[in-house]
Amino acid sequence: MTRRVILYPGEDGYVVAEVPSLPGCVSQGKTRDEALANIQEAIALHVEVLRERGEPVPDDRVEVVEVAA
């Protein structure tokens, strides 16, 4: 299973990783690679908790587009 992850610079200089299809699933790291490793763990734990609670695990139906501002 794969999930789309948004990476962006945090105010503290860390790289923030967020999973739009799993609201509240956010992590960070000092580097891009660390942020990705951390969010992989966060995704696994998030999905595990949803299953333990008997809640549905949302599909990753996120579309990423760029819009001119």
C-alpha atoms as a PDB file:
ATOM      1  CA  MET A   1       0.000   0.000   0.000  1.00  0.00           C
ATOM      2  CA  THR A   2       1.252   3.466  -0.796  1.00  0.00           C
ATOM      3  CA  ARG A   3       0.129   6.870   0.468  1.00  0.00           C
ATOM      4  CA  ARG A   4       0.693  10.317  -0.939  1.00  0.00           C
ATOM      5  CA  VAL A   5       2.748  12.433   1.431  1.00  0.00           C
ATOM      6  CA  ILE A   6       3.191  16.189   1.373  1.00  0.00           C
ATOM      7  CA  LEU A   7       6.609  17.488   2.410  1.00  0.00           C
ATOM      8  CA  TYR A   8       7.243  21.086   3.337  1.00  0.00           C
ATOM      9  CA  PRO A   9       9.712  23.083   5.440  1.00  0.00           C
ATOM     10  CA  GLY A  10       8.629  23.692   9.014  1.00  0.00           C
ATOM     11  CA  GLU A  11       9.222  26.923  10.881  1.00  0.00           C
ATOM     12  CA  ASP A  12      11.918  25.243  12.977  1.00  0.00           C
ATOM     13  CA  GLY A  13      13.977  24.153   9.954  1.00  0.00           C
ATOM     14  CA  TYR A  14      12.724  20.566  10.039  1.00  0.00           C
ATOM     15  CA  VAL A  15      11.005  18.870   7.112  1.00  0.00           C
ATOM     16  CA  VAL A  16       7.320  18.266   7.853  1.00  0.00           C
ATOM     17  CA  ALA A  17       5.564  15.235   6.356  1.00  0.00           C
ATOM     18  CA  GLU A  18       1.760  15.097   6.222  1.00  0.00           C
ATOM     19  CA  VAL A  19      -0.621  12.440   4.884  1.00  0.00           C
ATOM     20  CA  PRO A  20      -3.800  14.098   3.545  1.00  0.00           C
ATOM     21  CA  SER A  21      -5.724  10.814   3.320  1.00  0.00           C
ATOM     22  CA  LEU A  22      -5.124  10.173   7.037  1.00  0.00           C
ATOM     23  CA  PRO A  23      -6.169  13.353   8.853  1.00  0.00           C
ATOM     24  CA  GLY A  24      -3.869  14.063  11.782  1.00  0.00           C
ATOM     25  CA  CYS A  25      -1.070  11.839  10.486  1.00  0.00           C
ATOM     26  CA  VAL A  26       1.888  14.215  10.567  1.00  0.00           C
ATOM     27  CA  SER A  27       5.563  13.782  11.367  1.00  0.00           C
ATOM     28  CA  GLN A  28       8.852  15.540  10.756  1.00  0.00           C
ATOM     29  CA  GLY A  29      12.583  15.018  10.478  1.00  0.00           C
ATOM     30  CA  LYS A  30      15.833  16.932  10.283  1.00  0.00           C
ATOM     31  CA  THR A  31      16.227  15.785   6.683  1.00  0.00           C
ATOM     32  CA  ARG A  32      13.913  14.697   3.873  1.00  0.00           C
ATOM     33  CA  ASP A  33      14.955  11.066   4.329  1.00  0.00           C
ATOM     34  CA  GLU A  34      14.386  11.202   8.083  1.00  0.00           C
ATOM     35  CA  ALA A  35      10.965  12.803   7.600  1.00  0.00           C
ATOM     36  CA  LEU A  36      10.001  10.052   5.133  1.00  0.00           C
ATOM     37  CA  ALA A  37      11.171   7.296   7.496  1.00  0.00           C
ATOM     38  CA  ASN A  38       9.257   8.904  10.361  1.00  0.00           C
ATOM     39  CA  ILE A  39       6.052   9.310   8.356  1.00  0.00           C
ATOM     40  CA  GLN A  40       6.214   5.654   7.265  1.00  0.00           C
ATOM     41  CA  GLU A  41       6.178   4.673  10.931  1.00  0.00           C
ATOM     42  CA  ALA A  42       3.406   7.187  11.680  1.00  0.00           C
ATOM     43  CA  ILE A  43       1.269   5.791   8.839  1.00  0.00           C
ATOM     44  CA  ALA A  44       1.668   2.230  10.129  1.00  0.00           C
ATOM     45  CA  LEU A  45       0.704   3.269  13.667  1.00  0.00           C
ATOM     46  CA  HIS A  46      -2.201   5.414  12.464  1.00  0.00           C
ATOM     47  CA  VAL A  47      -3.653   2.554  10.413  1.00  0.00           C
ATOM     48  CA  GLU A  48      -3.111   0.118  13.303  1.00  0.00           C
ATOM     49  CA  VAL A  49      -5.064   2.356  15.693  1.00  0.00           C
ATOM     50  CA  LEU A  50      -7.910   2.786  13.208  1.00  0.00           C
ATOM     51  CA  ARG A  51      -8.172  -1.006  12.824  1.00  0.00           C
ATOM     52  CA  GLU A  52      -8.021  -1.572  16.594  1.00  0.00           C
ATOM     53  CA  ARG A  53     -10.916   0.853  17.023  1.00  0.00           C
ATOM     54  CA  GLY A  54     -12.879  -0.842  14.267  1.00  0.00           C
ATOM     55  CA  GLU A  55     -12.835   2.339  12.194  1.00  0.00           C
ATOM     56  CA  PRO A  56     -12.459   2.285   8.416  1.00  0.00           C
ATOM     57  CA  VAL A  57      -9.056   2.988   6.923  1.00  0.00           C
ATOM     58  CA  PRO A  58      -9.532   5.677   4.261  1.00  0.00           C
ATOM     59  CA  ASP A  59      -8.316   5.032   0.747  1.00  0.00           C
ATOM     60  CA  ASP A  60      -5.598   7.294  -0.588  1.00  0.00           C
ATOM     61  CA  ARG A  61      -7.710   9.191  -3.098  1.00  0.00           C
ATOM     62  CA  VAL A  62      -5.782  12.411  -2.988  1.00  0.00           C
ATOM     63  CA  GLU A  63      -5.103  14.242  -6.213  1.00  0.00           C
ATOM     64  CA  VAL A  64      -2.131  16.575  -6.259  1.00  0.00           C
ATOM     65  CA  VAL A  65      -2.373  19.516  -8.644  1.00  0.00           C
ATOM     66  CA  GLU A  66      -0.538  22.790  -9.049  1.00  0.00           C
ATOM     67  CA  VAL A  67      -2.478  26.009  -9.349  1.00  0.00           C
ATOM     68  CA  ALA A  68      -1.023  29.347 -10.440  1.00  0.00           C
ATOM     69  CA  ALA A  69      -1.439  32.010  -7.802  1.00  0.00           C
END
